[in-house]
Amino acid sequence: MQFVFRRKIPMDMLYNSDTYSVMHLQVDDALVPVRPDVPALARHGFEIVDKRSGKEIYLEGSWAEQFQAHLRAWQENAPTQEEVEDTLAGYAELAQNPVVVH
């Protein structure tokens, strides 16, 4: 079964290093599947890819809110790359999904 959506999901690269990449994904509220009988999932959140392990994690809901708090703090305090990578390593420990195409 193939699903076709009317709009694309905007993705913003927030961070990219040799070790990690972080994308912010925002689903357009007007995103509607072409088939009205199939519900569309709103998946606002953050994808963190651990390039060393080849795994990724998608943060949504309360996890995304917690990560957003880190982003706000980073905007105010200008962390070092080591501080950012230490925080990302904590999330990456939870990653279970292998990156197939990215």
PDB file of N, CA and C in Angstrom:
ATOM      1  N   MET A   1       0.841  -1.164   0.000  1.00  0.00           N
ATOM      2  CA  MET A   1       0.000   0.000   0.000  1.00  0.00           C
ATOM      3  C   MET A   1       0.891   1.234   0.000  1.00  0.00           C
ATOM      4  N   GLN A   2       0.602   2.177  -0.835  1.00  0.00           N
ATOM      5  CA  GLN A   2       1.399   3.390  -0.943  1.00  0.00           C
ATOM      6  C   GLN A   2       0.573   4.578  -0.470  1.00  0.00           C
ATOM      7  N   PHE A   3       1.198   5.428   0.325  1.00  0.00           N
ATOM      8  CA  PHE A   3       0.539   6.632   0.818  1.00  0.00           C
ATOM      9  C   PHE A   3       1.205   7.836   0.177  1.00  0.00           C
ATOM     10  N   VAL A   4       0.404   8.750  -0.270  1.00  0.00           N
ATOM     11  CA  VAL A   4       0.915   9.965  -0.885  1.00  0.00           C
ATOM     12  C   VAL A   4       0.361  11.138  -0.099  1.00  0.00           C
ATOM     13  N   PHE A   5       1.240  12.046   0.283  1.00  0.00           N
ATOM     14  CA  PHE A   5       0.823  13.213   1.047  1.00  0.00           C
ATOM     15  C   PHE A   5       0.921  14.450   0.174  1.00  0.00           C
ATOM     16  N   ARG A   6       0.093  15.421   0.480  1.00  0.00           N
ATOM     17  CA  ARG A   6       0.017  16.636  -0.320  1.00  0.00           C
ATOM     18  C   ARG A   6       1.172  17.593  -0.056  1.00  0.00           C
ATOM     19  N   ARG A   7       1.780  17.526   1.108  1.00  0.00           N
ATOM     20  CA  ARG A   7       2.848  18.467   1.440  1.00  0.00           C
ATOM     21  C   ARG A   7       4.041  17.722   2.011  1.00  0.00           C
ATOM     22  N   LYS A   8       5.184  18.360   1.899  1.00  0.00           N
ATOM     23  CA  LYS A   8       6.410  17.779   2.440  1.00  0.00           C
ATOM     24  C   LYS A   8       6.581  18.201   3.893  1.00  0.00           C
ATOM     25  N   ILE A   9       7.371  17.434   4.619  1.00  0.00           N
ATOM     26  CA  ILE A   9       7.674  17.754   6.010  1.00  0.00           C
ATOM     27  C   ILE A   9       8.939  18.612   6.029  1.00  0.00           C
ATOM     28  N   PRO A  10       8.836  19.860   6.511  1.00  0.00           N
ATOM     29  CA  PRO A  10      10.027  20.709   6.585  1.00  0.00           C
ATOM     30  C   PRO A  10      11.024  20.150   7.598  1.00  0.00           C
ATOM     31  N   MET A  11      12.287  20.093   7.188  1.00  0.00           N
ATOM     32  CA  MET A  11      13.346  19.611   8.073  1.00  0.00           C
ATOM     33  C   MET A  11      14.445  20.663   8.118  1.00  0.00           C
ATOM     34  N   ASP A  12      14.897  20.961   9.311  1.00  0.00           N
ATOM     35  CA  ASP A  12      15.987  21.912   9.494  1.00  0.00           C
ATOM     36  C   ASP A  12      17.145  21.207  10.179  1.00  0.00           C
ATOM     37  N   MET A  13      18.330  21.306   9.583  1.00  0.00           N
ATOM     38  CA  MET A  13      19.535  20.769  10.204  1.00  0.00           C
ATOM     39  C   MET A  13      19.948  21.732  11.305  1.00  0.00           C
ATOM     40  N   LEU A  14      19.953  21.254  12.548  1.00  0.00           N
ATOM     41  CA  LEU A  14      20.326  22.090  13.683  1.00  0.00           C
ATOM     42  C   LEU A  14      21.786  21.929  14.068  1.00  0.00           C
ATOM     43  N   TYR A  15      22.324  20.735  13.818  1.00  0.00           N
ATOM     44  CA  TYR A  15      23.692  20.463  14.246  1.00  0.00           C
ATOM     45  C   TYR A  15      24.246  19.355  13.370  1.00  0.00           C
ATOM     46  N   ASN A  16      25.516  19.481  12.999  1.00  0.00           N
ATOM     47  CA  ASN A  16      26.166  18.438  12.207  1.00  0.00           C
ATOM     48  C   ASN A  16      27.652  18.441  12.510  1.00  0.00           C
ATOM     49  N   SER A  17      28.140  17.293  12.953  1.00  0.00           N
ATOM     50  CA  SER A  17      29.567  17.134  13.228  1.00  0.00           C
ATOM     51  C   SER A  17      29.990  15.772  12.686  1.00  0.00           C
ATOM     52  N   ASP A  18      31.226  15.418  12.921  1.00  0.00           N
ATOM     53  CA  ASP A  18      31.693  14.094  12.499  1.00  0.00           C
ATOM     54  C   ASP A  18      31.007  12.983  13.279  1.00  0.00           C
ATOM     55  N   THR A  19      30.454  13.306  14.440  1.00  0.00           N
ATOM     56  CA  THR A  19      29.879  12.307  15.336  1.00  0.00           C
ATOM     57  C   THR A  19      28.356  12.273  15.313  1.00  0.00           C
ATOM     58  N   TYR A  20      27.705  13.436  15.291  1.00  0.00           N
ATOM     59  CA  TYR A  20      26.249  13.507  15.389  1.00  0.00           C
ATOM     60  C   TYR A  20      25.662  14.468  14.362  1.00  0.00           C
ATOM     61  N   SER A  21      24.401  14.223  14.037  1.00  0.00           N
ATOM     62  CA  SER A  21      23.605  15.224  13.327  1.00  0.00           C
ATOM     63  C   SER A  21      22.250  15.303  14.018  1.00  0.00           C
ATOM     64  N   VAL A  22      21.693  16.499  14.012  1.00  0.00           N
ATOM     65  CA  VAL A  22      20.390  16.730  14.641  1.00  0.00           C
ATOM     66  C   VAL A  22      19.514  17.465  13.641  1.00  0.00           C
ATOM     67  N   MET A  23      18.336  16.900  13.391  1.00  0.00           N
ATOM     68  CA  MET A  23      17.361  17.510  12.501  1.00  0.00           C
ATOM     69  C   MET A  23      16.106  17.847  13.297  1.00  0.00           C
ATOM     70  N   HIS A  24      15.489  18.980  12.970  1.00  0.00           N
ATOM     71  CA  HIS A  24      14.208  19.354  13.550  1.00  0.00           C
ATOM     72  C   HIS A  24      13.160  19.148  12.460  1.00  0.00           C
ATOM     73  N   LEU A  25      12.166  18.325  12.740  1.00  0.00           N
ATOM     74  CA  LEU A  25      11.109  18.037  11.781  1.00  0.00           C
ATOM     75  C   LEU A  25       9.812  18.636  12.277  1.00  0.00           C
ATOM     76  N   GLN A  26       9.158  19.366  11.413  1.00  0.00           N
ATOM     77  CA  GLN A  26       7.881  19.987  11.761  1.00  0.00           C
ATOM     78  C   GLN A  26       6.853  19.569  10.727  1.00  0.00           C
ATOM     79  N   VAL A  27       5.799  18.922  11.188  1.00  0.00           N
ATOM     80  CA  VAL A  27       4.734  18.523  10.290  1.00  0.00           C
ATOM     81  C   VAL A  27       3.780  19.691  10.138  1.00  0.00           C
ATOM     82  N   ASP A  28       3.503  20.035   8.904  1.00  0.00           N
ATOM     83  CA  ASP A  28       2.541  21.097   8.612  1.00  0.00           C
ATOM     84  C   ASP A  28       1.178  20.668   9.132  1.00  0.00           C
ATOM     85  N   ASP A  29       0.512  21.536   9.886  1.00  0.00           N
ATOM     86  CA  ASP A  29      -0.807  21.200  10.422  1.00  0.00           C
ATOM     87  C   ASP A  29      -1.813  20.901   9.328  1.00  0.00           C
ATOM     88  N   ALA A  30      -1.546  21.394   8.132  1.00  0.00           N
ATOM     89  CA  ALA A  30      -2.459  21.148   7.020  1.00  0.00           C
ATOM     90  C   ALA A  30      -2.117  19.863   6.271  1.00  0.00           C
ATOM     91  N   LEU A  31      -1.126  19.116   6.759  1.00  0.00           N
ATOM     92  CA  LEU A  31      -0.738  17.873   6.097  1.00  0.00           C
ATOM     93  C   LEU A  31      -1.887  16.877   6.168  1.00  0.00           C
ATOM     94  N   VAL A  32      -2.370  16.480   5.028  1.00  0.00           N
ATOM     95  CA  VAL A  32      -3.509  15.573   4.964  1.00  0.00           C
ATOM     96  C   VAL A  32      -3.208  14.494   3.942  1.00  0.00           C
ATOM     97  N   PRO A  33      -3.436  13.218   4.304  1.00  0.00           N
ATOM     98  CA  PRO A  33      -3.206  12.183   3.304  1.00  0.00           C
ATOM     99  C   PRO A  33      -4.206  12.318   2.162  1.00  0.00           C
ATOM    100  N   VAL A  34      -3.796  11.860   0.994  1.00  0.00           N
ATOM    101  CA  VAL A  34      -4.686  11.904  -0.156  1.00  0.00           C
ATOM    102  C   VAL A  34      -5.916  11.044   0.111  1.00  0.00           C
ATOM    103  N   ARG A  35      -5.736   9.955   0.828  1.00  0.00           N
ATOM    104  CA  ARG A  35      -6.872   9.103   1.208  1.00  0.00           C
ATOM    105  C   ARG A  35      -7.405   9.586   2.544  1.00  0.00           C
ATOM    106  N   PRO A  36      -8.592  10.165   2.593  1.00  0.00           N
ATOM    107  CA  PRO A  36      -9.115  10.721   3.841  1.00  0.00           C
ATOM    108  C   PRO A  36      -9.415   9.678   4.913  1.00  0.00           C
ATOM    109  N   ASP A  37      -9.497   8.410   4.554  1.00  0.00           N
ATOM    110  CA  ASP A  37      -9.774   7.376   5.539  1.00  0.00           C
ATOM    111  C   ASP A  37      -8.521   6.944   6.300  1.00  0.00           C
ATOM    112  N   VAL A  38      -7.368   7.482   5.918  1.00  0.00           N
ATOM    113  CA  VAL A  38      -6.104   7.150   6.575  1.00  0.00           C
ATOM    114  C   VAL A  38      -5.665   8.349   7.396  1.00  0.00           C
ATOM    115  N   PRO A  39      -5.551   8.185   8.727  1.00  0.00           N
ATOM    116  CA  PRO A  39      -5.168   9.333   9.560  1.00  0.00           C
ATOM    117  C   PRO A  39      -3.718   9.745   9.328  1.00  0.00           C
ATOM    118  N   ALA A  40      -3.476  11.037   9.397  1.00  0.00           N
ATOM    119  CA  ALA A  40      -2.117  11.566   9.282  1.00  0.00           C
ATOM    120  C   ALA A  40      -1.568  11.763  10.692  1.00  0.00           C
ATOM    121  N   LEU A  41      -0.352  11.347  10.914  1.00  0.00           N
ATOM    122  CA  LEU A  41       0.279  11.507  12.221  1.00  0.00           C
ATOM    123  C   LEU A  41       1.057  12.816  12.251  1.00  0.00           C
ATOM    124  N   ALA A  42       0.851  13.599  13.273  1.00  0.00           N
ATOM    125  CA  ALA A  42       1.642  14.816  13.484  1.00  0.00           C
ATOM    126  C   ALA A  42       2.850  14.417  14.312  1.00  0.00           C
ATOM    127  N   ARG A  43       4.024  14.468  13.721  1.00  0.00           N
ATOM    128  CA  ARG A  43       5.228  14.006  14.398  1.00  0.00           C
ATOM    129  C   ARG A  43       6.263  15.115  14.502  1.00  0.00           C
ATOM    130  N   HIS A  44       5.884  16.203  15.130  1.00  0.00           N
ATOM    131  CA  HIS A  44       6.866  17.251  15.391  1.00  0.00           C
ATOM    132  C   HIS A  44       7.932  16.649  16.306  1.00  0.00           C
ATOM    133  N   GLY A  45       9.185  16.908  16.012  1.00  0.00           N
ATOM    134  CA  GLY A  45      10.211  16.393  16.906  1.00  0.00           C
ATOM    135  C   GLY A  45      11.609  16.579  16.361  1.00  0.00           C
ATOM    136  N   PHE A  46      12.529  15.832  16.956  1.00  0.00           N
ATOM    137  CA  PHE A  46      13.944  15.939  16.634  1.00  0.00           C
ATOM    138  C   PHE A  46      14.502  14.550  16.341  1.00  0.00           C
ATOM    139  N   GLU A  47      15.298  14.469  15.293  1.00  0.00           N
ATOM    140  CA  GLU A  47      15.993  13.231  14.975  1.00  0.00           C
ATOM    141  C   GLU A  47      17.466  13.430  15.288  1.00  0.00           C
ATOM    142  N   ILE A  48      18.011  12.526  16.090  1.00  0.00           N
ATOM    143  CA  ILE A  48      19.431  12.563  16.423  1.00  0.00           C
ATOM    144  C   ILE A  48      20.064  11.321  15.824  1.00  0.00           C
ATOM    145  N   VAL A  49      21.087  11.519  15.002  1.00  0.00           N
ATOM    146  CA  VAL A  49      21.796  10.412  14.373  1.00  0.00           C
ATOM    147  C   VAL A  49      23.186  10.324  14.990  1.00  0.00           C
ATOM    148  N   ASP A  50      23.509   9.132  15.499  1.00  0.00           N
ATOM    149  CA  ASP A  50      24.853   8.839  15.993  1.00  0.00           C
ATOM    150  C   ASP A  50      25.604   8.211  14.830  1.00  0.00           C
ATOM    151  N   LYS A  51      26.484   8.968  14.224  1.00  0.00           N
ATOM    152  CA  LYS A  51      27.185   8.509  13.027  1.00  0.00           C
ATOM    153  C   LYS A  51      28.157   7.377  13.324  1.00  0.00           C
ATOM    154  N   ARG A  52      28.635   7.289  14.559  1.00  0.00           N
ATOM    155  CA  ARG A  52      29.580   6.226  14.916  1.00  0.00           C
ATOM    156  C   ARG A  52      28.899   4.865  14.938  1.00  0.00           C
ATOM    157  N   SER A  53      27.696   4.814  15.513  1.00  0.00           N
ATOM    158  CA  SER A  53      26.989   3.537  15.637  1.00  0.00           C
ATOM    159  C   SER A  53      26.065   3.268  14.456  1.00  0.00           C
ATOM    160  N   GLY A  54      25.777   4.315  13.662  1.00  0.00           N
ATOM    161  CA  GLY A  54      24.856   4.149  12.546  1.00  0.00           C
ATOM    162  C   GLY A  54      23.414   3.992  12.997  1.00  0.00           C
ATOM    163  N   LYS A  55      23.088   4.576  14.174  1.00  0.00           N
ATOM    164  CA  LYS A  55      21.730   4.481  14.711  1.00  0.00           C
ATOM    165  C   LYS A  55      21.153   5.877  14.905  1.00  0.00           C
ATOM    166  N   GLU A  56      19.809   5.923  14.934  1.00  0.00           N
ATOM    167  CA  GLU A  56      19.123   7.190  15.139  1.00  0.00           C
ATOM    168  C   GLU A  56      17.999   7.019  16.123  1.00  0.00           C
ATOM    169  N   ILE A  57      17.614   8.162  16.706  1.00  0.00           N
ATOM    170  CA  ILE A  57      16.475   8.187  17.610  1.00  0.00           C
ATOM    171  C   ILE A  57      15.618   9.392  17.236  1.00  0.00           C
ATOM    172  N   TYR A  58      14.318   9.217  17.325  1.00  0.00           N
ATOM    173  CA  TYR A  58      13.395  10.311  17.045  1.00  0.00           C
ATOM    174  C   TYR A  58      12.741  10.714  18.354  1.00  0.00           C
ATOM    175  N   LEU A  59      12.898  11.971  18.743  1.00  0.00           N
ATOM    176  CA  LEU A  59      12.334  12.482  19.987  1.00  0.00           C
ATOM    177  C   LEU A  59      11.061  13.247  19.683  1.00  0.00           C
ATOM    178  N   GLU A  60       9.971  12.847  20.314  1.00  0.00           N
ATOM    179  CA  GLU A  60       8.716  13.573  20.193  1.00  0.00           C
ATOM    180  C   GLU A  60       8.062  13.633  21.560  1.00  0.00           C
ATOM    181  N   GLY A  61       7.016  14.405  21.679  1.00  0.00           N
ATOM    182  CA  GLY A  61       6.309  14.517  22.950  1.00  0.00           C
ATOM    183  C   GLY A  61       7.180  15.122  24.031  1.00  0.00           C
ATOM    184  N   SER A  62       7.148  14.519  25.223  1.00  0.00           N
ATOM    185  CA  SER A  62       7.904  15.068  26.358  1.00  0.00           C
ATOM    186  C   SER A  62       9.417  14.997  26.125  1.00  0.00           C
ATOM    187  N   TRP A  63       9.877  13.994  25.358  1.00  0.00           N
ATOM    188  CA  TRP A  63      11.304  13.919  25.036  1.00  0.00           C
ATOM    189  C   TRP A  63      11.717  15.111  24.179  1.00  0.00           C
ATOM    190  N   ALA A  64      10.871  15.473  23.223  1.00  0.00           N
ATOM    191  CA  ALA A  64      11.164  16.626  22.367  1.00  0.00           C
ATOM    192  C   ALA A  64      11.150  17.917  23.181  1.00  0.00           C
ATOM    193  N   GLU A  65      10.226  18.019  24.126  1.00  0.00           N
ATOM    194  CA  GLU A  65      10.169  19.207  24.978  1.00  0.00           C
ATOM    195  C   GLU A  65      11.440  19.324  25.819  1.00  0.00           C
ATOM    196  N   GLN A  66      11.914  18.205  26.338  1.00  0.00           N
ATOM    197  CA  GLN A  66      13.148  18.202  27.127  1.00  0.00           C
ATOM    198  C   GLN A  66      14.332  18.626  26.249  1.00  0.00           C
ATOM    199  N   PHE A  67      14.392  18.104  25.037  1.00  0.00           N
ATOM    200  CA  PHE A  67      15.485  18.458  24.133  1.00  0.00           C
ATOM    201  C   PHE A  67      15.395  19.934  23.746  1.00  0.00           C
ATOM    202  N   GLN A  68      14.178  20.440  23.539  1.00  0.00           N
ATOM    203  CA  GLN A  68      13.972  21.854  23.218  1.00  0.00           C
ATOM    204  C   GLN A  68      14.513  22.738  24.338  1.00  0.00           C
ATOM    205  N   ALA A  69      14.369  22.288  25.576  1.00  0.00           N
ATOM    206  CA  ALA A  69      14.915  23.043  26.710  1.00  0.00           C
ATOM    207  C   ALA A  69      16.441  23.125  26.615  1.00  0.00           C
ATOM    208  N   HIS A  70      17.079  22.026  26.181  1.00  0.00           N
ATOM    209  CA  HIS A  70      18.538  22.056  25.971  1.00  0.00           C
ATOM    210  C   HIS A  70      18.889  23.078  24.889  1.00  0.00           C
ATOM    211  N   LEU A  71      18.116  23.091  23.805  1.00  0.00           N
ATOM    212  CA  LEU A  71      18.386  24.038  22.720  1.00  0.00           C
ATOM    213  C   LEU A  71      18.287  25.479  23.198  1.00  0.00           C
ATOM    214  N   ARG A  72      17.256  25.768  23.993  1.00  0.00           N
ATOM    215  CA  ARG A  72      17.101  27.130  24.527  1.00  0.00           C
ATOM    216  C   ARG A  72      18.286  27.514  25.399  1.00  0.00           C
ATOM    217  N   ALA A  73      18.706  26.595  26.241  1.00  0.00           N
ATOM    218  CA  ALA A  73      19.853  26.859  27.117  1.00  0.00           C
ATOM    219  C   ALA A  73      21.116  27.086  26.288  1.00  0.00           C
ATOM    220  N   TRP A  74      21.275  26.306  25.219  1.00  0.00           N
ATOM    221  CA  TRP A  74      22.446  26.477  24.357  1.00  0.00           C
ATOM    222  C   TRP A  74      22.427  27.834  23.666  1.00  0.00           C
ATOM    223  N   GLN A  75      21.243  28.318  23.298  1.00  0.00           N
ATOM    224  CA  GLN A  75      21.149  29.634  22.661  1.00  0.00           C
ATOM    225  C   GLN A  75      21.579  30.733  23.617  1.00  0.00           C
ATOM    226  N   GLU A  76      21.279  30.570  24.889  1.00  0.00           N
ATOM    227  CA  GLU A  76      21.625  31.583  25.884  1.00  0.00           C
ATOM    228  C   GLU A  76      23.074  31.492  26.340  1.00  0.00           C
ATOM    229  N   ASN A  77      23.630  30.280  26.398  1.00  0.00           N
ATOM    230  CA  ASN A  77      24.938  30.080  27.014  1.00  0.00           C
ATOM    231  C   ASN A  77      26.073  29.747  26.060  1.00  0.00           C
ATOM    232  N   ALA A  78      25.799  29.571  24.777  1.00  0.00           N
ATOM    233  CA  ALA A  78      26.829  29.242  23.781  1.00  0.00           C
ATOM    234  C   ALA A  78      27.768  28.142  24.282  1.00  0.00           C
ATOM    235  N   PRO A  79      27.295  26.894  24.295  1.00  0.00           N
ATOM    236  CA  PRO A  79      28.110  25.793  24.817  1.00  0.00           C
ATOM    237  C   PRO A  79      29.267  25.449  23.889  1.00  0.00           C
ATOM    238  N   THR A  80      30.227  24.731  24.437  1.00  0.00           N
ATOM    239  CA  THR A  80      31.321  24.219  23.616  1.00  0.00           C
ATOM    240  C   THR A  80      30.813  23.013  22.836  1.00  0.00           C
ATOM    241  N   GLN A  81      31.555  22.623  21.820  1.00  0.00           N
ATOM    242  CA  GLN A  81      31.175  21.439  21.047  1.00  0.00           C
ATOM    243  C   GLN A  81      31.175  20.202  21.949  1.00  0.00           C
ATOM    244  N   GLU A  82      32.094  20.141  22.875  1.00  0.00           N
ATOM    245  CA  GLU A  82      32.157  19.005  23.804  1.00  0.00           C
ATOM    246  C   GLU A  82      30.886  18.925  24.654  1.00  0.00           C
ATOM    247  N   GLU A  83      30.390  20.067  25.129  1.00  0.00           N
ATOM    248  CA  GLU A  83      29.158  20.077  25.927  1.00  0.00           C
ATOM    249  C   GLU A  83      27.956  19.610  25.099  1.00  0.00           C
ATOM    250  N   VAL A  84      27.877  20.084  23.859  1.00  0.00           N
ATOM    251  CA  VAL A  84      26.790  19.663  22.978  1.00  0.00           C
ATOM    252  C   VAL A  84      26.871  18.156  22.729  1.00  0.00           C
ATOM    253  N   GLU A  85      28.055  17.675  22.402  1.00  0.00           N
ATOM    254  CA  GLU A  85      28.220  16.256  22.081  1.00  0.00           C
ATOM    255  C   GLU A  85      27.980  15.371  23.298  1.00  0.00           C
ATOM    256  N   ASP A  86      28.326  15.827  24.491  1.00  0.00           N
ATOM    257  CA  ASP A  86      28.029  15.064  25.705  1.00  0.00           C
ATOM    258  C   ASP A  86      26.524  14.917  25.901  1.00  0.00           C
ATOM    259  N   THR A  87      25.784  15.995  25.650  1.00  0.00           N
ATOM    260  CA  THR A  87      24.325  15.934  25.769  1.00  0.00           C
ATOM    261  C   THR A  87      23.750  14.990  24.719  1.00  0.00           C
ATOM    262  N   LEU A  88      24.225  15.113  23.486  1.00  0.00           N
ATOM    263  CA  LEU A  88      23.726  14.250  22.413  1.00  0.00           C
ATOM    264  C   LEU A  88      24.067  12.784  22.678  1.00  0.00           C
ATOM    265  N   ALA A  89      25.212  12.536  23.298  1.00  0.00           N
ATOM    266  CA  ALA A  89      25.594  11.159  23.620  1.00  0.00           C
ATOM    267  C   ALA A  89      24.588  10.524  24.572  1.00  0.00           C
ATOM    268  N   GLY A  90      24.062  11.315  25.498  1.00  0.00           N
ATOM    269  CA  GLY A  90      23.054  10.791  26.427  1.00  0.00           C
ATOM    270  C   GLY A  90      21.799  10.338  25.707  1.00  0.00           C
ATOM    271  N   TYR A  91      21.366  11.120  24.723  1.00  0.00           N
ATOM    272  CA  TYR A  91      20.201  10.718  23.935  1.00  0.00           C
ATOM    273  C   TYR A  91      20.536   9.550  23.011  1.00  0.00           C
ATOM    274  N   ALA A  92      21.732   9.584  22.432  1.00  0.00           N
ATOM    275  CA  ALA A  92      22.130   8.547  21.474  1.00  0.00           C
ATOM    276  C   ALA A  92      22.203   7.166  22.128  1.00  0.00           C
ATOM    277  N   GLU A  93      22.417   7.120  23.438  1.00  0.00           N
ATOM    278  CA  GLU A  93      22.430   5.831  24.135  1.00  0.00           C
ATOM    279  C   GLU A  93      21.090   5.120  24.007  1.00  0.00           C
ATOM    280  N   LEU A  94      20.028   5.875  23.783  1.00  0.00           N
ATOM    281  CA  LEU A  94      18.683   5.312  23.649  1.00  0.00           C
ATOM    282  C   LEU A  94      18.389   4.844  22.224  1.00  0.00           C
ATOM    283  N   ALA A  95      19.235   5.214  21.268  1.00  0.00           N
ATOM    284  CA  ALA A  95      18.982   4.921  19.856  1.00  0.00           C
ATOM    285  C   ALA A  95      18.990   3.411  19.594  1.00  0.00           C
ATOM    286  N   GLN A  96      17.947   2.953  18.933  1.00  0.00           N
ATOM    287  CA  GLN A  96      17.829   1.544  18.573  1.00  0.00           C
ATOM    288  C   GLN A  96      17.669   1.325  17.072  1.00  0.00           C
ATOM    289  N   ASN A  97      17.250   2.377  16.361  1.00  0.00           N
ATOM    290  CA  ASN A  97      16.939   2.240  14.943  1.00  0.00           C
ATOM    291  C   ASN A  97      18.167   2.443  14.085  1.00  0.00           C
ATOM    292  N   PRO A  98      18.503   1.456  13.245  1.00  0.00           N
ATOM    293  CA  PRO A  98      19.624   1.651  12.342  1.00  0.00           C
ATOM    294  C   PRO A  98      19.261   2.664  11.259  1.00  0.00           C
ATOM    295  N   VAL A  99      20.226   3.470  10.858  1.00  0.00           N
ATOM    296  CA  VAL A  99      20.015   4.430   9.789  1.00  0.00           C
ATOM    297  C   VAL A  99      20.146   3.660   8.482  1.00  0.00           C
ATOM    298  N   VAL A 100      19.063   3.604   7.718  1.00  0.00           N
ATOM    299  CA  VAL A 100      19.081   2.872   6.453  1.00  0.00           C
ATOM    300  C   VAL A 100      19.374   3.819   5.305  1.00  0.00           C
ATOM    301  N   VAL A 101      18.630   4.909   5.227  1.00  0.00           N
ATOM    302  CA  VAL A 101      18.846   5.931   4.208  1.00  0.00           C
ATOM    303  C   VAL A 101      18.787   7.268   4.909  1.00  0.00           C
ATOM    304  N   HIS A 102      19.793   8.083   4.642  1.00  0.00           N
ATOM    305  CA  HIS A 102      19.782   9.398   5.288  1.00  0.00           C
ATOM    306  C   HIS A 102      20.452  10.401   4.421  1.00  0.00           C
TER     307      HIS A 102
END
